[in-house]
């Protein structure tokens, strides 16, 4: 089953062109029988959305997560412990994107491929389906602490199927079955190969505002793991050429393997992180 899923995900099918951000602001329902603007941001919060960058466009996403607000003024509500991720995404075509990023969390470099398999069509196909694959390199692992460390231990992989539906003008939902693999895991009893299901949604509050939420359900977390399922809630603000996302989350890591496998915060204890994603098109 795992092999079949990976084969499907690595066979991108180029699909119908996507409207640019400014056009989507004023055309929110259906154009030429294709549903558009299920999500305005390339991410819901932590999870990738089914939106892609348009052909020949370059988008920069600056993602920032402060430290836990639980510590209050000791860390100035997380300001002292902030991490940042810079992600450049280029549209090879309207249905195929490549990306490169660097995160200060574990000094992770990442290359990604995102591609549309099929688009939601009115009275025809009810979902938009997008594939997402990434390769990560953890450069923070220290050979002084891990004498047997080899380059292969720094590598991690993720594969996702993103399935979204624009239910109506205001409401969109997404399901994200996820396979991810870490060659090095922090918890000894944790399997290197891990599985999760992400769920997320967007509810439009106004012409330029929306409420967003996503949640990841880890399916084979080790029983002795201290980590939690990631829950994130926030708002999107569209301002011309970019989308500004502000949110609270219990996961400080921003790469797929990080927020799914190493979310350390606890909403019940107020151990959560404020953050934002800022997307700018060039």
Foldseek 3Di string as FASTA:
>chain_A
DVVVVVVVQVDFDADDAADALVVCLVVQQDDPQFHHCQDSDCALAQHGALADDAAAKKKKKKKKWFAFLLVPPVCVSRNVPMKIKIKIWHHNHRFKIWMWMFIPVLRKIKIKIKGWRDTDGPPPRFKTKMKMKMKMFRPNDDCVVVVPDDRLQRIKMKIWIWIKGNPGSFKIKIKIKMWMAGSDDPDPPAHRIWIKMKIKMWGDPDSFKIKIKMWIGTDGGDPPDQADTKIKIWMWGDDPFKIKIKIKMQFNDRDPCRNGPPRNGDVVSSRIIIMMMIMGMD
